[in-house]
C-alpha atoms as a PDB file:
ATOM      1  CA  MET A   1     -19.722  -3.193  -9.151  1.00  0.00           C
ATOM      2  CA  ARG A   2     -20.852  -6.582  -7.621  1.00  0.00           C
ATOM      3  CA  LEU A   3     -18.479  -8.460  -9.891  1.00  0.00           C
ATOM      4  CA  SER A   4     -15.613  -6.096  -9.249  1.00  0.00           C
ATOM      5  CA  ARG A   5     -16.058  -6.384  -5.527  1.00  0.00           C
ATOM      6  CA  ARG A   6     -16.007 -10.211  -5.699  1.00  0.00           C
ATOM      7  CA  LEU A   7     -12.902 -10.194  -7.862  1.00  0.00           C
ATOM      8  CA  ALA A   8     -11.160  -7.794  -5.485  1.00  0.00           C
ATOM      9  CA  LEU A   9     -11.929 -10.064  -2.611  1.00  0.00           C
ATOM     10  CA  GLU A  10     -10.703 -13.138  -4.558  1.00  0.00           C
ATOM     11  CA  ALA A  11      -7.543 -11.307  -5.558  1.00  0.00           C
ATOM     12  CA  GLY A  12      -7.025 -10.341  -1.952  1.00  0.00           C
ATOM     13  CA  ASP A  13      -7.107 -13.963  -0.899  1.00  0.00           C
ATOM     14  CA  SER A  14      -4.414 -14.787  -3.432  1.00  0.00           C
ATOM     15  CA  ILE A  15      -2.357 -11.862  -2.215  1.00  0.00           C
ATOM     16  CA  LEU A  16      -2.650 -12.808   1.472  1.00  0.00           C
ATOM     17  CA  GLN A  17      -1.598 -16.397   0.735  1.00  0.00           C
ATOM     18  CA  VAL A  18       1.758 -14.993  -0.513  1.00  0.00           C
ATOM     19  CA  TYR A  19       1.937 -12.154   2.109  1.00  0.00           C
ATOM     20  CA  ASN A  20       1.476 -14.686   4.997  1.00  0.00           C
ATOM     21  CA  SER A  21       3.998 -17.144   3.650  1.00  0.00           C
ATOM     22  CA  PRO A  22       7.476 -17.319   5.231  1.00  0.00           C
ATOM     23  CA  ALA A  23       9.134 -15.841   2.123  1.00  0.00           C
ATOM     24  CA  PHE A  24       8.445 -14.887  -1.456  1.00  0.00           C
ATOM     25  CA  ASP A  25      10.527 -13.891  -4.421  1.00  0.00           C
ATOM     26  CA  VAL A  26      10.724 -10.271  -5.507  1.00  0.00           C
ATOM     27  CA  ARG A  27      11.888  -9.370  -9.062  1.00  0.00           C
ATOM     28  CA  ALA A  28      12.456  -6.133 -10.889  1.00  0.00           C
ATOM     29  CA  LYS A  29      10.332  -5.218 -13.972  1.00  0.00           C
ATOM     30  CA  ALA A  30      11.758  -3.401 -17.019  1.00  0.00           C
ATOM     31  CA  ASP A  31      11.111  -0.004 -15.303  1.00  0.00           C
ATOM     32  CA  ALA A  32      12.978  -1.229 -12.179  1.00  0.00           C
ATOM     33  CA  SER A  33       9.829  -1.355 -10.153  1.00  0.00           C
ATOM     34  CA  PRO A  34       9.287  -4.517  -8.001  1.00  0.00           C
ATOM     35  CA  VAL A  35       6.860  -7.296  -8.750  1.00  0.00           C
ATOM     36  CA  THR A  36       5.996 -10.444  -6.850  1.00  0.00           C
ATOM     37  CA  GLU A  37       4.024 -13.634  -7.404  1.00  0.00           C
ATOM     38  CA  ALA A  38       1.208 -11.942  -5.529  1.00  0.00           C
ATOM     39  CA  ASP A  39       0.988  -9.240  -8.155  1.00  0.00           C
ATOM     40  CA  GLU A  40       0.801 -11.805 -10.946  1.00  0.00           C
ATOM     41  CA  ALA A  41      -1.716 -14.029  -9.143  1.00  0.00           C
ATOM     42  CA  ALA A  42      -4.070 -11.153  -8.420  1.00  0.00           C
ATOM     43  CA  ASP A  43      -3.756  -9.954 -11.938  1.00  0.00           C
ATOM     44  CA  ALA A  44      -4.729 -13.375 -13.317  1.00  0.00           C
ATOM     45  CA  VAL A  45      -7.831 -13.605 -11.095  1.00  0.00           C
ATOM     46  CA  ILE A  46      -9.128 -10.132 -11.940  1.00  0.00           C
ATOM     47  CA  SER A  47      -8.299 -10.224 -15.675  1.00  0.00           C
ATOM     48  CA  ALA A  48     -10.053 -13.507 -16.262  1.00  0.00           C
ATOM     49  CA  GLY A  49     -13.139 -12.353 -14.479  1.00  0.00           C
ATOM     50  CA  LEU A  50     -13.382  -8.935 -16.256  1.00  0.00           C
ATOM     51  CA  ARG A  51     -12.582 -10.317 -19.727  1.00  0.00           C
ATOM     52  CA  THR A  52     -15.276 -12.969 -19.350  1.00  0.00           C
ATOM     53  CA  ALA A  53     -17.820 -10.529 -18.205  1.00  0.00           C
ATOM     54  CA  PHE A  54     -16.892  -7.565 -20.325  1.00  0.00           C
ATOM     55  CA  PRO A  55     -15.266  -8.949 -23.545  1.00  0.00           C
ATOM     56  CA  GLU A  56     -15.877  -5.744 -25.578  1.00  0.00           C
ATOM     57  CA  VAL A  57     -14.444  -3.333 -22.988  1.00  0.00           C
ATOM     58  CA  PRO A  58     -10.685  -2.621 -23.214  1.00  0.00           C
ATOM     59  CA  LEU A  59      -8.941  -3.841 -20.076  1.00  0.00           C
ATOM     60  CA  ILE A  60      -5.734  -2.068 -18.800  1.00  0.00           C
ATOM     61  CA  THR A  61      -3.765  -3.676 -15.972  1.00  0.00           C
ATOM     62  CA  GLU A  62      -0.389  -2.729 -14.521  1.00  0.00           C
ATOM     63  CA  GLU A  63       1.018  -6.137 -15.154  1.00  0.00           C
ATOM     64  CA  GLN A  64      -0.071  -6.173 -18.787  1.00  0.00           C
ATOM     65  CA  ALA A  65       0.386  -2.464 -19.668  1.00  0.00           C
ATOM     66  CA  ALA A  66       3.052  -2.989 -22.251  1.00  0.00           C
ATOM     67  CA  SER A  67       0.389  -4.478 -24.590  1.00  0.00           C
ATOM     68  CA  HIS A  68      -1.798  -1.358 -24.169  1.00  0.00           C
ATOM     69  CA  ALA A  69       0.353   1.392 -25.513  1.00  0.00           C
ATOM     70  CA  LEU A  70      -2.532   3.355 -27.010  1.00  0.00           C
ATOM     71  CA  SER A  71      -4.927   5.626 -25.116  1.00  0.00           C
ATOM     72  CA  ALA A  72      -8.685   5.155 -24.672  1.00  0.00           C
ATOM     73  CA  GLN A  73     -11.575   7.108 -23.204  1.00  0.00           C
ATOM     74  CA  THR A  74     -13.779   4.225 -21.897  1.00  0.00           C
ATOM     75  CA  PHE A  75     -12.136   1.180 -20.326  1.00  0.00           C
ATOM     76  CA  LEU A  76     -11.585  -0.945 -17.225  1.00  0.00           C
ATOM     77  CA  ILE A  77      -8.301  -0.297 -15.400  1.00  0.00           C
ATOM     78  CA  VAL A  78      -6.733  -2.372 -12.678  1.00  0.00           C
ATOM     79  CA  ASP A  79      -3.821  -2.387 -10.326  1.00  0.00           C
ATOM     80  CA  PRO A  80      -3.875  -5.890  -8.928  1.00  0.00           C
ATOM     81  CA  LEU A  81      -1.456  -4.989  -6.095  1.00  0.00           C
ATOM     82  CA  ASP A  82      -0.916  -1.293  -5.478  1.00  0.00           C
ATOM     83  CA  GLY A  83       1.711  -0.630  -2.958  1.00  0.00           C
ATOM     84  CA  THR A  84       4.059  -3.522  -3.843  1.00  0.00           C
ATOM     85  CA  LYS A  85       6.758  -1.808  -1.699  1.00  0.00           C
ATOM     86  CA  GLU A  86       4.500  -1.889   1.327  1.00  0.00           C
ATOM     87  CA  PHE A  87       3.681  -5.523   0.631  1.00  0.00           C
ATOM     88  CA  ILE A  88       7.385  -6.447   0.387  1.00  0.00           C
ATOM     89  CA  GLN A  89       8.109  -4.725   3.689  1.00  0.00           C
ATOM     90  CA  ARG A  90       4.975  -6.360   5.228  1.00  0.00           C
ATOM     91  CA  ARG A  91       3.451  -3.085   6.294  1.00  0.00           C
ATOM     92  CA  GLY A  92      -0.049  -3.866   5.238  1.00  0.00           C
ATOM     93  CA  ASP A  93      -0.743  -0.602   3.251  1.00  0.00           C
ATOM     94  CA  PHE A  94      -1.432  -2.300  -0.046  1.00  0.00           C
ATOM     95  CA  THR A  95      -4.602  -2.470  -2.090  1.00  0.00           C
ATOM     96  CA  VAL A  96      -6.456  -4.117  -4.917  1.00  0.00           C
ATOM     97  CA  ASN A  97      -7.737  -1.437  -7.399  1.00  0.00           C
ATOM     98  CA  ILE A  98     -10.427  -2.055  -9.991  1.00  0.00           C
ATOM     99  CA  ALA A  99     -12.052   0.860 -11.858  1.00  0.00           C
ATOM    100  CA  PHE A 100     -14.281   1.668 -14.841  1.00  0.00           C
ATOM    101  CA  VAL A 101     -13.451   4.844 -16.678  1.00  0.00           C
ATOM    102  CA  GLN A 102     -16.144   6.388 -18.912  1.00  0.00           C
ATOM    103  CA  ASN A 103     -15.280   9.264 -21.260  1.00  0.00           C
ATOM    104  CA  GLY A 104     -12.116   9.934 -19.333  1.00  0.00           C
ATOM    105  CA  VAL A 105     -13.774  10.039 -15.878  1.00  0.00           C
ATOM    106  CA  PRO A 106     -13.462   7.187 -13.310  1.00  0.00           C
ATOM    107  CA  THR A 107     -17.169   6.520 -12.560  1.00  0.00           C
ATOM    108  CA  HIS A 108     -16.873   3.371 -10.517  1.00  0.00           C
ATOM    109  CA  GLY A 109     -14.182   1.808  -8.400  1.00  0.00           C
ATOM    110  CA  VAL A 110     -13.305  -0.788  -5.842  1.00  0.00           C
ATOM    111  CA  VAL A 111     -10.388  -0.370  -3.383  1.00  0.00           C
ATOM    112  CA  TYR A 112      -9.731  -3.345  -1.120  1.00  0.00           C
ATOM    113  CA  ALA A 113      -6.939  -3.410   1.527  1.00  0.00           C
ATOM    114  CA  PRO A 114      -6.807  -7.092   2.463  1.00  0.00           C
ATOM    115  CA  ALA A 115      -4.243  -6.808   5.237  1.00  0.00           C
ATOM    116  CA  LYS A 116      -6.106  -3.836   6.759  1.00  0.00           C
ATOM    117  CA  GLY A 117      -9.627  -5.365   6.486  1.00  0.00           C
ATOM    118  CA  ARG A 118     -10.984  -2.264   4.660  1.00  0.00           C
ATOM    119  CA  LEU A 119     -13.176  -2.377   1.590  1.00  0.00           C
ATOM    120  CA  PHE A 120     -14.370   0.765  -0.275  1.00  0.00           C
ATOM    121  CA  TYR A 121     -16.370   0.934  -3.449  1.00  0.00           C
ATOM    122  CA  THR A 122     -18.986   2.883  -5.479  1.00  0.00           C
ATOM    123  CA  LEU A 123     -22.585   1.705  -5.774  1.00  0.00           C
ATOM    124  CA  ALA A 124     -24.473   1.747  -9.097  1.00  0.00           C
ATOM    125  CA  ASP A 125     -25.398   5.354  -8.628  1.00  0.00           C
ATOM    126  CA  GLY A 126     -21.888   6.291  -7.963  1.00  0.00           C
ATOM    127  CA  THR A 127     -22.199   6.794  -4.215  1.00  0.00           C
ATOM    128  CA  ALA A 128     -19.149   5.732  -2.274  1.00  0.00           C
ATOM    129  CA  VAL A 129     -19.400   3.333   0.660  1.00  0.00           C
ATOM    130  CA  GLU A 130     -17.162   1.375   3.032  1.00  0.00           C
ATOM    131  CA  GLU A 131     -18.285  -2.098   3.835  1.00  0.00           C
ATOM    132  CA  SER A 132     -17.685  -3.766   7.127  1.00  0.00           C
ATOM    133  CA  GLY A 133     -18.145  -7.360   8.315  1.00  0.00           C
ATOM    134  CA  ALA A 134     -16.851 -10.688   7.091  1.00  0.00           C
ATOM    135  CA  PHE A 135     -16.625  -9.717   3.377  1.00  0.00           C
ATOM    136  CA  ASP A 136     -18.745 -12.564   2.133  1.00  0.00           C
ATOM    137  CA  LYS A 137     -18.127 -12.941  -1.593  1.00  0.00           C
ATOM    138  CA  ASP A 138     -21.735 -13.555  -2.431  1.00  0.00           C
ATOM    139  CA  SER A 139     -23.392 -10.876  -0.374  1.00  0.00           C
ATOM    140  CA  SER A 140     -22.308  -7.492   1.086  1.00  0.00           C
ATOM    141  CA  GLY A 141     -22.142  -6.618   4.679  1.00  0.00           C
ATOM    142  CA  PRO A 142     -23.120  -3.444   6.438  1.00  0.00           C
ATOM    143  CA  LEU A 143     -22.402  -0.388   4.378  1.00  0.00           C
ATOM    144  CA  ARG A 144     -21.522   3.144   5.495  1.00  0.00           C
ATOM    145  CA  GLU A 145     -21.979   5.983   2.993  1.00  0.00           C
ATOM    146  CA  LEU A 146     -18.836   8.038   2.701  1.00  0.00           C
ATOM    147  CA  ARG A 147     -18.777  11.828   2.736  1.00  0.00           C
ATOM    148  CA  VAL A 148     -15.652  13.984   2.765  1.00  0.00           C
ATOM    149  CA  SER A 149     -14.899  16.382   5.641  1.00  0.00           C
ATOM    150  CA  ARG A 150     -15.784  19.984   6.014  1.00  0.00           C
ATOM    151  CA  PRO A 151     -12.306  21.242   6.140  1.00  0.00           C
ATOM    152  CA  ASP A 152     -11.087  23.932   8.426  1.00  0.00           C
ATOM    153  CA  ASN A 153      -8.328  25.658   6.499  1.00  0.00           C
ATOM    154  CA  ALA A 154      -6.795  26.839   9.750  1.00  0.00           C
ATOM    155  CA  ALA A 155      -6.341  23.233  10.885  1.00  0.00           C
ATOM    156  CA  LEU A 156      -6.111  20.775   8.048  1.00  0.00           C
ATOM    157  CA  MET A 157      -5.506  17.053   8.236  1.00  0.00           C
ATOM    158  CA  VAL A 158      -3.039  15.921   5.584  1.00  0.00           C
ATOM    159  CA  VAL A 159      -2.248  12.434   4.276  1.00  0.00           C
ATOM    160  CA  ALA A 160       0.990  11.818   2.317  1.00  0.00           C
ATOM    161  CA  SER A 161       2.696   8.918   0.720  1.00  0.00           C
ATOM    162  CA  LYS A 162       4.528   6.524   2.970  1.00  0.00           C
ATOM    163  CA  SER A 163       7.110   5.259   0.486  1.00  0.00           C
ATOM    164  CA  HIS A 164       7.327   8.238  -1.851  1.00  0.00           C
ATOM    165  CA  ARG A 165       7.607  11.243   0.423  1.00  0.00           C
ATOM    166  CA  ASP A 166       9.991  13.938  -0.736  1.00  0.00           C
ATOM    167  CA  ALA A 167      11.142  17.537  -0.082  1.00  0.00           C
ATOM    168  CA  ALA A 168       8.947  18.992  -2.750  1.00  0.00           C
ATOM    169  CA  THR A 169       5.806  17.431  -1.195  1.00  0.00           C
ATOM    170  CA  ASP A 170       6.893  18.642   2.360  1.00  0.00           C
ATOM    171  CA  ASP A 171       7.455  22.170   0.970  1.00  0.00           C
ATOM    172  CA  TYR A 172       3.929  22.221  -0.586  1.00  0.00           C
ATOM    173  CA  ILE A 173       2.321  20.939   2.551  1.00  0.00           C
ATOM    174  CA  GLY A 174       4.212  23.686   4.396  1.00  0.00           C
ATOM    175  CA  ARG A 175       2.099  26.241   2.547  1.00  0.00           C
ATOM    176  CA  PHE A 176      -0.972  25.142   4.526  1.00  0.00           C
ATOM    177  CA  GLN A 177      -1.958  25.399   8.185  1.00  0.00           C
ATOM    178  CA  VAL A 178      -1.820  21.794   9.227  1.00  0.00           C
ATOM    179  CA  ARG A 179      -3.412  20.367  12.315  1.00  0.00           C
ATOM    180  CA  ASP A 180      -1.898  16.867  11.934  1.00  0.00           C
ATOM    181  CA  MET A 181      -0.435  14.649   9.355  1.00  0.00           C
ATOM    182  CA  THR A 182      -0.544  10.936   8.652  1.00  0.00           C
ATOM    183  CA  SER A 183       1.066   8.684   6.024  1.00  0.00           C
ATOM    184  CA  ALA A 184      -0.343   5.760   4.149  1.00  0.00           C
ATOM    185  CA  GLY A 185       0.553   3.597   1.209  1.00  0.00           C
ATOM    186  CA  SER A 186      -1.225   2.875  -2.015  1.00  0.00           C
ATOM    187  CA  SER A 187      -4.670   4.154  -2.885  1.00  0.00           C
ATOM    188  CA  LEU A 188      -5.654   4.153   0.737  1.00  0.00           C
ATOM    189  CA  LYS A 189      -4.784   7.869   0.736  1.00  0.00           C
ATOM    190  CA  PHE A 190      -7.711   8.733  -1.508  1.00  0.00           C
ATOM    191  CA  CYS A 191      -9.997   6.664   0.699  1.00  0.00           C
ATOM    192  CA  LEU A 192      -8.830   8.490   3.913  1.00  0.00           C
ATOM    193  CA  VAL A 193      -9.972  11.733   2.204  1.00  0.00           C
ATOM    194  CA  ALA A 194     -13.158  10.070   1.201  1.00  0.00           C
ATOM    195  CA  THR A 195     -13.968   8.957   4.709  1.00  0.00           C
ATOM    196  CA  GLY A 196     -13.154  12.375   6.124  1.00  0.00           C
ATOM    197  CA  GLU A 197     -10.110  11.036   7.978  1.00  0.00           C
ATOM    198  CA  ALA A 198      -8.018  13.471   5.984  1.00  0.00           C
ATOM    199  CA  ASP A 199      -8.720  16.751   4.105  1.00  0.00           C
ATOM    200  CA  LEU A 200      -5.884  16.915   1.600  1.00  0.00           C
ATOM    201  CA  TYR A 201      -3.531  14.450  -0.221  1.00  0.00           C
ATOM    202  CA  PRO A 202      -0.926  16.054  -2.535  1.00  0.00           C
ATOM    203  CA  ARG A 203       1.092  13.858  -4.918  1.00  0.00           C
ATOM    204  CA  LEU A 204       4.161  15.454  -6.427  1.00  0.00           C
ATOM    205  CA  GLY A 205       5.630  12.367  -7.946  1.00  0.00           C
ATOM    206  CA  ARG A 206       5.109   9.923 -10.788  1.00  0.00           C
ATOM    207  CA  THR A 207       1.973   7.774 -10.758  1.00  0.00           C
ATOM    208  CA  MET A 208       0.074   5.821 -13.393  1.00  0.00           C
ATOM    209  CA  GLU A 209      -3.649   5.802 -14.046  1.00  0.00           C
ATOM    210  CA  TRP A 210      -4.078   2.310 -12.589  1.00  0.00           C
ATOM    211  CA  ASP A 211      -2.627   3.632  -9.286  1.00  0.00           C
ATOM    212  CA  THR A 212      -5.313   6.277  -8.953  1.00  0.00           C
ATOM    213  CA  ALA A 213      -8.459   5.496 -10.939  1.00  0.00           C
ATOM    214  CA  ALA A 214     -10.239   3.356  -8.324  1.00  0.00           C
ATOM    215  CA  GLY A 215      -9.385   5.631  -5.385  1.00  0.00           C
ATOM    216  CA  ASP A 216     -10.339   8.637  -7.464  1.00  0.00           C
ATOM    217  CA  ALA A 217     -13.808   7.117  -8.231  1.00  0.00           C
ATOM    218  CA  VAL A 218     -14.315   6.413  -4.554  1.00  0.00           C
ATOM    219  CA  LEU A 219     -13.313   9.910  -3.537  1.00  0.00           C
ATOM    220  CA  ARG A 220     -15.515  11.519  -6.201  1.00  0.00           C
ATOM    221  CA  GLY A 221     -18.389   9.309  -4.964  1.00  0.00           C
ATOM    222  CA  ALA A 222     -17.905  10.772  -1.482  1.00  0.00           C
ATOM    223  CA  GLY A 223     -17.950  14.398  -2.812  1.00  0.00           C
ATOM    224  CA  GLY A 224     -14.225  14.890  -3.133  1.00  0.00           C
ATOM    225  CA  GLN A 225     -12.053  15.993  -6.015  1.00  0.00           C
ATOM    226  CA  VAL A 226      -8.833  15.096  -7.693  1.00  0.00           C
ATOM    227  CA  VAL A 227      -7.239  17.941  -9.614  1.00  0.00           C
ATOM    228  CA  ARG A 228      -4.028  18.485 -11.510  1.00  0.00           C
ATOM    229  CA  PHE A 229      -1.269  20.195  -9.504  1.00  0.00           C
ATOM    230  CA  ASP A 230      -0.435  22.720 -12.215  1.00  0.00           C
ATOM    231  CA  ASP A 231      -3.794  24.219 -13.163  1.00  0.00           C
ATOM    232  CA  HIS A 232      -6.297  22.633 -10.635  1.00  0.00           C
ATOM    233  CA  GLN A 233      -8.350  21.136 -13.449  1.00  0.00           C
ATOM    234  CA  PRO A 234      -9.945  17.686 -12.896  1.00  0.00           C
ATOM    235  CA  LEU A 235      -7.485  14.800 -13.359  1.00  0.00           C
ATOM    236  CA  ALA A 236      -8.454  13.090 -16.685  1.00  0.00           C
ATOM    237  CA  TYR A 237      -7.971   9.460 -17.707  1.00  0.00           C
ATOM    238  CA  GLY A 238      -7.123   7.662 -20.976  1.00  0.00           C
ATOM    239  CA  LYS A 239      -3.904   9.655 -21.494  1.00  0.00           C
ATOM    240  CA  PRO A 240      -1.293   8.319 -23.866  1.00  0.00           C
ATOM    241  CA  GLY A 241       1.079   6.072 -21.963  1.00  0.00           C
ATOM    242  CA  TRP A 242      -1.306   6.119 -18.840  1.00  0.00           C
ATOM    243  CA  ASP A 243       1.035   8.548 -17.045  1.00  0.00           C
ATOM    244  CA  ASN A 244      -0.522  11.012 -14.523  1.00  0.00           C
ATOM    245  CA  PRO A 245       0.707  14.565 -13.892  1.00  0.00           C
ATOM    246  CA  PHE A 246       1.242  15.642 -10.266  1.00  0.00           C
ATOM    247  CA  PHE A 247      -2.159  15.955  -8.594  1.00  0.00           C
ATOM    248  CA  ILE A 248      -4.010  16.965  -5.429  1.00  0.00           C
ATOM    249  CA  ALA A 249      -6.891  15.011  -3.910  1.00  0.00           C
ATOM    250  CA  LEU A 250      -9.027  17.086  -1.556  1.00  0.00           C
ATOM    251  CA  ALA A 251     -12.278  17.765   0.178  1.00  0.00           C
ATOM    252  CA  PRO A 252     -14.043  20.687  -1.375  1.00  0.00           C
ATOM    253  CA  GLY A 253     -13.505  23.788   0.745  1.00  0.00           C
ATOM    254  CA  VAL A 254      -9.743  23.332   1.047  1.00  0.00           C
ATOM    255  CA  VAL A 255      -8.130  26.526  -0.320  1.00  0.00           C
ATOM    256  CA  LEU A 256      -5.373  25.425  -2.721  1.00  0.00           C
ATOM    257  CA  LYS A 257      -2.103  27.198  -2.645  1.00  0.00           C
END
């Protein structure tokens, strides 16, 4: 994932240039979701790099999804700016997501939160790490291997969406014995479970595969799981239209309700 790491950092630079500017334009896409020049700049950086390096591998990105209506089983999938609402509100909880899906499983991923200064990714063997330091583009800094928590079902730590919280999610969380809750935007929620900062992340709302694949890969590399809400089977990728069902991300040992 060395190239994906570099591209995520370069995309993060492009995003922060817009984020730190006095003002930027926000437009609505066909599905009414917001898009900014930062989304498009990051998409251009990542797409150019991946297409040059992997010309034979299908590339799916949020900003170019309309040209990829068919499903696939092995592909690269990118959300160049996950958490655009957080970006627009200058809350910092946005990420760059790059993932490789093989036979429907996200095996490698990079999640970079440029405004938070946090960088998570999988190594060649699938192990998940968080890098610290200056994020030099040519060489990695200190790495910390990630492992999920050993959850106590009598005192769970839960993370939920910051911008998409609803009554159904709160009702579901209410089935558990919760020690504390936190909220986060974008794919950072997967990473908080991967680091052990949370035990459980339920999502009872619409998401797309590019929203989840990179964070899912990082969480799997840390020993975690992402399962469908309805039948608790592993979340699969390469679905027609790239839509996800409701899902639950968790540390093994959490007793699902």
